[in-house]
Amino acid sequence: MAAMKPRTGDGPLEATAEGRGIVVRIPTEGGGRLVIEMSPQEAGKLAEVLTAAI
C-alpha cells in the first residue's frame, strides 16, 4: 500500500529543465499543483502567447 503523505503546502510556481524537456508546476485553487512537461519549442510558443495576452 502506498504511503500517505500530508500536504505541507502547494509550493511556488516553478519551471525546471529536466532531461530534454521543461517541467512547469503551477499551484491550483483548492490545493495541489498542475504539472506540465513540454519541449523547449513548446515552451517558447507558450511564452509568446502569454506575452501577447498581457
PDB file of N, CA and C in Angstrom:
ATOM      1  N   MET A   1       0.846  -1.169   0.000  1.00  0.00           N
ATOM      2  CA  MET A   1       0.000   0.000   0.000  1.00  0.00           C
ATOM      3  C   MET A   1       0.897   1.239   0.000  1.00  0.00           C
ATOM      4  N   ALA A   2       0.503   2.231  -0.792  1.00  0.00           N
ATOM      5  CA  ALA A   2       1.298   3.452  -0.897  1.00  0.00           C
ATOM      6  C   ALA A   2       1.215   4.265   0.383  1.00  0.00           C
ATOM      7  N   ALA A   3       2.310   4.901   0.727  1.00  0.00           N
ATOM      8  CA  ALA A   3       2.342   5.739   1.929  1.00  0.00           C
ATOM      9  C   ALA A   3       1.556   7.016   1.681  1.00  0.00           C
ATOM     10  N   MET A   4       0.770   7.410   2.646  1.00  0.00           N
ATOM     11  CA  MET A   4       0.024   8.662   2.559  1.00  0.00           C
ATOM     12  C   MET A   4       0.881   9.761   3.166  1.00  0.00           C
ATOM     13  N   LYS A   5       1.173  10.792   2.384  1.00  0.00           N
ATOM     14  CA  LYS A   5       1.995  11.896   2.867  1.00  0.00           C
ATOM     15  C   LYS A   5       1.112  13.124   3.040  1.00  0.00           C
ATOM     16  N   PRO A   6       1.209  13.785   4.168  1.00  0.00           N
ATOM     17  CA  PRO A   6       0.403  15.003   4.337  1.00  0.00           C
ATOM     18  C   PRO A   6       0.928  16.117   3.448  1.00  0.00           C
ATOM     19  N   ARG A   7       0.006  16.962   2.981  1.00  0.00           N
ATOM     20  CA  ARG A   7       0.421  18.114   2.187  1.00  0.00           C
ATOM     21  C   ARG A   7       0.926  19.199   3.119  1.00  0.00           C
ATOM     22  N   THR A   8       2.125  19.651   2.854  1.00  0.00           N
ATOM     23  CA  THR A   8       2.691  20.714   3.680  1.00  0.00           C
ATOM     24  C   THR A   8       2.600  22.051   2.965  1.00  0.00           C
ATOM     25  N   GLY A   9       2.020  22.077   1.804  1.00  0.00           N
ATOM     26  CA  GLY A   9       1.900  23.298   1.012  1.00  0.00           C
ATOM     27  C   GLY A   9       1.944  22.952  -0.449  1.00  0.00           C
ATOM     28  N   ASP A  10       1.405  23.821  -1.235  1.00  0.00           N
ATOM     29  CA  ASP A  10       1.338  23.557  -2.662  1.00  0.00           C
ATOM     30  C   ASP A  10       2.606  23.966  -3.392  1.00  0.00           C
ATOM     31  N   GLY A  11       3.391  24.829  -2.776  1.00  0.00           N
ATOM     32  CA  GLY A  11       4.642  25.238  -3.385  1.00  0.00           C
ATOM     33  C   GLY A  11       4.463  26.377  -4.365  1.00  0.00           C
ATOM     34  N   PRO A  12       5.564  26.940  -4.800  1.00  0.00           N
ATOM     35  CA  PRO A  12       5.527  28.082  -5.706  1.00  0.00           C
ATOM     36  C   PRO A  12       5.358  27.652  -7.164  1.00  0.00           C
ATOM     37  N   LEU A  13       5.060  28.618  -8.012  1.00  0.00           N
ATOM     38  CA  LEU A  13       5.087  28.403  -9.455  1.00  0.00           C
ATOM     39  C   LEU A  13       6.548  28.188  -9.823  1.00  0.00           C
ATOM     40  N   GLU A  14       6.833  27.141 -10.567  1.00  0.00           N
ATOM     41  CA  GLU A  14       8.223  26.893 -10.939  1.00  0.00           C
ATOM     42  C   GLU A  14       8.323  26.193 -12.283  1.00  0.00           C
ATOM     43  N   ALA A  15       9.446  26.401 -12.940  1.00  0.00           N
ATOM     44  CA  ALA A  15       9.753  25.736 -14.201  1.00  0.00           C
ATOM     45  C   ALA A  15      11.196  25.273 -14.132  1.00  0.00           C
ATOM     46  N   THR A  16      11.430  24.003 -14.451  1.00  0.00           N
ATOM     47  CA  THR A  16      12.782  23.463 -14.407  1.00  0.00           C
ATOM     48  C   THR A  16      13.067  22.653 -15.666  1.00  0.00           C
ATOM     49  N   ALA A  17      14.316  22.661 -16.091  1.00  0.00           N
ATOM     50  CA  ALA A  17      14.745  21.826 -17.203  1.00  0.00           C
ATOM     51  C   ALA A  17      15.074  20.453 -16.640  1.00  0.00           C
ATOM     52  N   GLU A  18      14.403  19.444 -17.158  1.00  0.00           N
ATOM     53  CA  GLU A  18      14.646  18.064 -16.716  1.00  0.00           C
ATOM     54  C   GLU A  18      14.829  17.202 -17.957  1.00  0.00           C
ATOM     55  N   GLY A  19      16.041  16.727 -18.131  1.00  0.00           N
ATOM     56  CA  GLY A  19      16.334  15.947 -19.329  1.00  0.00           C
ATOM     57  C   GLY A  19      16.233  16.822 -20.561  1.00  0.00           C
ATOM     58  N   ARG A  20      15.474  16.379 -21.556  1.00  0.00           N
ATOM     59  CA  ARG A  20      15.304  17.155 -22.788  1.00  0.00           C
ATOM     60  C   ARG A  20      14.093  18.068 -22.736  1.00  0.00           C
ATOM     61  N   GLY A  21      13.312  18.006 -21.665  1.00  0.00           N
ATOM     62  CA  GLY A  21      12.091  18.794 -21.585  1.00  0.00           C
ATOM     63  C   GLY A  21      12.123  19.831 -20.483  1.00  0.00           C
ATOM     64  N   ILE A  22      11.041  20.573 -20.406  1.00  0.00           N
ATOM     65  CA  ILE A  22      10.847  21.581 -19.368  1.00  0.00           C
ATOM     66  C   ILE A  22       9.599  21.194 -18.597  1.00  0.00           C
ATOM     67  N   VAL A  23       9.712  21.165 -17.284  1.00  0.00           N
ATOM     68  CA  VAL A  23       8.587  20.809 -16.429  1.00  0.00           C
ATOM     69  C   VAL A  23       8.125  22.062 -15.698  1.00  0.00           C
ATOM     70  N   VAL A  24       6.823  22.363 -15.835  1.00  0.00           N
ATOM     71  CA  VAL A  24       6.230  23.529 -15.192  1.00  0.00           C
ATOM     72  C   VAL A  24       5.259  23.027 -14.125  1.00  0.00           C
ATOM     73  N   ARG A  25       5.388  23.572 -12.918  1.00  0.00           N
ATOM     74  CA  ARG A  25       4.495  23.211 -11.813  1.00  0.00           C
ATOM     75  C   ARG A  25       3.722  24.457 -11.412  1.00  0.00           C
ATOM     76  N   ILE A  26       2.386  24.387 -11.537  1.00  0.00           N
ATOM     77  CA  ILE A  26       1.524  25.544 -11.299  1.00  0.00           C
ATOM     78  C   ILE A  26       0.599  25.243 -10.129  1.00  0.00           C
ATOM     79  N   PRO A  27       0.646  26.060  -9.050  1.00  0.00           N
ATOM     80  CA  PRO A  27      -0.287  25.862  -7.939  1.00  0.00           C
ATOM     81  C   PRO A  27      -1.728  26.079  -8.424  1.00  0.00           C
ATOM     82  N   THR A  28      -2.660  25.279  -7.931  1.00  0.00           N
ATOM     83  CA  THR A  28      -4.056  25.400  -8.346  1.00  0.00           C
ATOM     84  C   THR A  28      -4.945  25.788  -7.170  1.00  0.00           C
ATOM     85  N   GLU A  29      -6.080  26.401  -7.489  1.00  0.00           N
ATOM     86  CA  GLU A  29      -7.048  26.743  -6.457  1.00  0.00           C
ATOM     87  C   GLU A  29      -7.555  25.461  -5.824  1.00  0.00           C
ATOM     88  N   GLY A  30      -7.721  25.468  -4.528  1.00  0.00           N
ATOM     89  CA  GLY A  30      -8.223  24.284  -3.845  1.00  0.00           C
ATOM     90  C   GLY A  30      -7.129  23.311  -3.440  1.00  0.00           C
ATOM     91  N   GLY A  31      -5.891  23.618  -3.757  1.00  0.00           N
ATOM     92  CA  GLY A  31      -4.778  22.757  -3.355  1.00  0.00           C
ATOM     93  C   GLY A  31      -4.225  21.940  -4.496  1.00  0.00           C
ATOM     94  N   GLY A  32      -3.019  21.529  -4.340  1.00  0.00           N
ATOM     95  CA  GLY A  32      -2.348  20.719  -5.354  1.00  0.00           C
ATOM     96  C   GLY A  32      -1.646  21.576  -6.388  1.00  0.00           C
ATOM     97  N   ARG A  33      -0.988  20.918  -7.335  1.00  0.00           N
ATOM     98  CA  ARG A  33      -0.285  21.615  -8.405  1.00  0.00           C
ATOM     99  C   ARG A  33      -0.526  20.894  -9.716  1.00  0.00           C
ATOM    100  N   LEU A  34      -0.655  21.675 -10.770  1.00  0.00           N
ATOM    101  CA  LEU A  34      -0.759  21.150 -12.123  1.00  0.00           C
ATOM    102  C   LEU A  34       0.662  21.022 -12.652  1.00  0.00           C
ATOM    103  N   VAL A  35       1.029  19.835 -13.122  1.00  0.00           N
ATOM    104  CA  VAL A  35       2.391  19.602 -13.626  1.00  0.00           C
ATOM    105  C   VAL A  35       2.310  19.329 -15.124  1.00  0.00           C
ATOM    106  N   ILE A  36       3.059  20.122 -15.898  1.00  0.00           N
ATOM    107  CA  ILE A  36       3.059  20.002 -17.353  1.00  0.00           C
ATOM    108  C   ILE A  36       4.495  19.844 -17.827  1.00  0.00           C
ATOM    109  N   GLU A  37       4.721  18.869 -18.708  1.00  0.00           N
ATOM    110  CA  GLU A  37       6.041  18.702 -19.311  1.00  0.00           C
ATOM    111  C   GLU A  37       5.937  19.061 -20.785  1.00  0.00           C
ATOM    112  N   MET A  38       6.890  19.855 -21.272  1.00  0.00           N
ATOM    113  CA  MET A  38       6.858  20.281 -22.663  1.00  0.00           C
ATOM    114  C   MET A  38       8.271  20.389 -23.219  1.00  0.00           C
ATOM    115  N   SER A  39       8.342  20.452 -24.539  1.00  0.00           N
ATOM    116  CA  SER A  39       9.635  20.613 -25.197  1.00  0.00           C
ATOM    117  C   SER A  39      10.043  22.087 -25.144  1.00  0.00           C
ATOM    118  N   PRO A  40      11.313  22.389 -25.375  1.00  0.00           N
ATOM    119  CA  PRO A  40      11.736  23.784 -25.416  1.00  0.00           C
ATOM    120  C   PRO A  40      10.989  24.591 -26.491  1.00  0.00           C
ATOM    121  N   GLN A  41      10.651  23.972 -27.613  1.00  0.00           N
ATOM    122  CA  GLN A  41       9.914  24.663 -28.665  1.00  0.00           C
ATOM    123  C   GLN A  41       8.496  25.009 -28.183  1.00  0.00           C
ATOM    124  N   GLU A  42       7.849  24.075 -27.507  1.00  0.00           N
ATOM    125  CA  GLU A  42       6.514  24.333 -26.970  1.00  0.00           C
ATOM    126  C   GLU A  42       6.558  25.418 -25.897  1.00  0.00           C
ATOM    127  N   ALA A  43       7.593  25.413 -25.079  1.00  0.00           N
ATOM    128  CA  ALA A  43       7.741  26.427 -24.040  1.00  0.00           C
ATOM    129  C   ALA A  43       7.930  27.811 -24.665  1.00  0.00           C
ATOM    130  N   GLY A  44       8.675  27.891 -25.748  1.00  0.00           N
ATOM    131  CA  GLY A  44       8.865  29.156 -26.449  1.00  0.00           C
ATOM    132  C   GLY A  44       7.555  29.682 -27.005  1.00  0.00           C
ATOM    133  N   LYS A  45       6.772  28.802 -27.596  1.00  0.00           N
ATOM    134  CA  LYS A  45       5.467  29.196 -28.144  1.00  0.00           C
ATOM    135  C   LYS A  45       4.534  29.646 -27.022  1.00  0.00           C
ATOM    136  N   LEU A  46       4.558  28.934 -25.893  1.00  0.00           N
ATOM    137  CA  LEU A  46       3.734  29.315 -24.742  1.00  0.00           C
ATOM    138  C   LEU A  46       4.146  30.695 -24.234  1.00  0.00           C
ATOM    139  N   ALA A  47       5.432  30.963 -24.184  1.00  0.00           N
ATOM    140  CA  ALA A  47       5.921  32.274 -23.743  1.00  0.00           C
ATOM    141  C   ALA A  47       5.421  33.382 -24.671  1.00  0.00           C
ATOM    142  N   GLU A  48       5.438  33.130 -25.977  1.00  0.00           N
ATOM    143  CA  GLU A  48       4.937  34.117 -26.942  1.00  0.00           C
ATOM    144  C   GLU A  48       3.459  34.402 -26.725  1.00  0.00           C
ATOM    145  N   VAL A  49       2.669  33.355 -26.549  1.00  0.00           N
ATOM    146  CA  VAL A  49       1.225  33.503 -26.362  1.00  0.00           C
ATOM    147  C   VAL A  49       0.914  34.227 -25.051  1.00  0.00           C
ATOM    148  N   LEU A  50       1.624  33.873 -23.987  1.00  0.00           N
ATOM    149  CA  LEU A  50       1.390  34.548 -22.696  1.00  0.00           C
ATOM    150  C   LEU A  50       1.811  36.011 -22.746  1.00  0.00           C
ATOM    151  N   THR A  51       2.917  36.304 -23.414  1.00  0.00           N
ATOM    152  CA  THR A  51       3.376  37.688 -23.547  1.00  0.00           C
ATOM    153  C   THR A  51       2.343  38.513 -24.326  1.00  0.00           C
ATOM    154  N   ALA A  52       1.791  37.942 -25.374  1.00  0.00           N
ATOM    155  CA  ALA A  52       0.773  38.651 -26.159  1.00  0.00           C
ATOM    156  C   ALA A  52      -0.494  38.896 -25.330  1.00  0.00           C
ATOM    157  N   ALA A  53      -0.809  37.977 -24.434  1.00  0.00           N
ATOM    158  CA  ALA A  53      -2.025  38.109 -23.623  1.00  0.00           C
ATOM    159  C   ALA A  53      -1.902  39.205 -22.579  1.00  0.00           C
ATOM    160  N   ILE A  54      -0.682  39.467 -22.119  1.00  0.00           N
ATOM    161  CA  ILE A  54      -0.526  40.501 -21.096  1.00  0.00           C
ATOM    162  C   ILE A  54      -0.038  41.788 -21.719  1.00  0.00           C
TER     163      ILE A  54
END
